[in-house]
Amino acid sequence: MKLQSTKKSRKPRILLLHQYYSYTGFYNFIIANLKKTIIPLALIIGLLLFLEYYVLDFENLFYSTTKDFSVYGLLAAFFLSESLLGLIPPELFIAWVKTLDSPTLYLTILAILSYLGGCVSYLIGRLLLRIPKWKNWIEIKIGKHIQNIRKWGGFLIIVGALLPIPFSIVSMASGIIRFSFKKYLFYGLFRFLRFYLFAIAIFKLME
């Protein structure tokens, strides 16, 4: 009877996870980051729409500013950025590929490079573990992300892949705490979804 009572009172795993993420502030973290990104993003999109319809043609603008650069050079710069702390917003490169002859193909290439750049960041995090001086410095710089990845694991990687949170930093933090690389590779696939969703909005804006 006691065993049956214990089984009946045991909560479903998904409910336990929900309670854990509630207690540890995961949902508040998501909401806070959405507030930080959605409002500025909405203002930027509103400004771009105004400029697009009344002042500029953005497709011509991006074409004129990038036509003198090598496609491979820009792709290499993007990969480097995605591997080292996400120095350049990916949205700029998404807007750039809209000006190319095969935007969908190059968008997919960008998504692949971003995914691979995250893998490089993960491996950099693992490498830093072997260099105490650099490990201590990076733990100070991204200590909050390291703490969060320890608490929330794969869910934070998904959030980093989808939201405008530096994916490279989340990936590096994953490497530092030795998060399972196989699981990282799986959760990181959400990076592709982010690129295609943002491309829908940006390509529409540039029509």
Foldseek 3Di string as FASTA:
>chain_A
DVVVVVVVPDDDPVVVVVVLCVVVCVVVVLVVQCVVPVVVVVVVLVVLLCCCVPNDQLLVVLCVVPVVDDPVVVLVVLLVCLLPQNPDDCLSVLSNLLNDPDSVVVLVVSLVSNLVSLVNLLVVLLVVLVPVVSNVVLCVVLVVLLVVCVRPPLVVLLCCLAGPDSNSSNSSSCNNVVPPPVSSSVSNNNNSVNSVVSSVVSSVSND
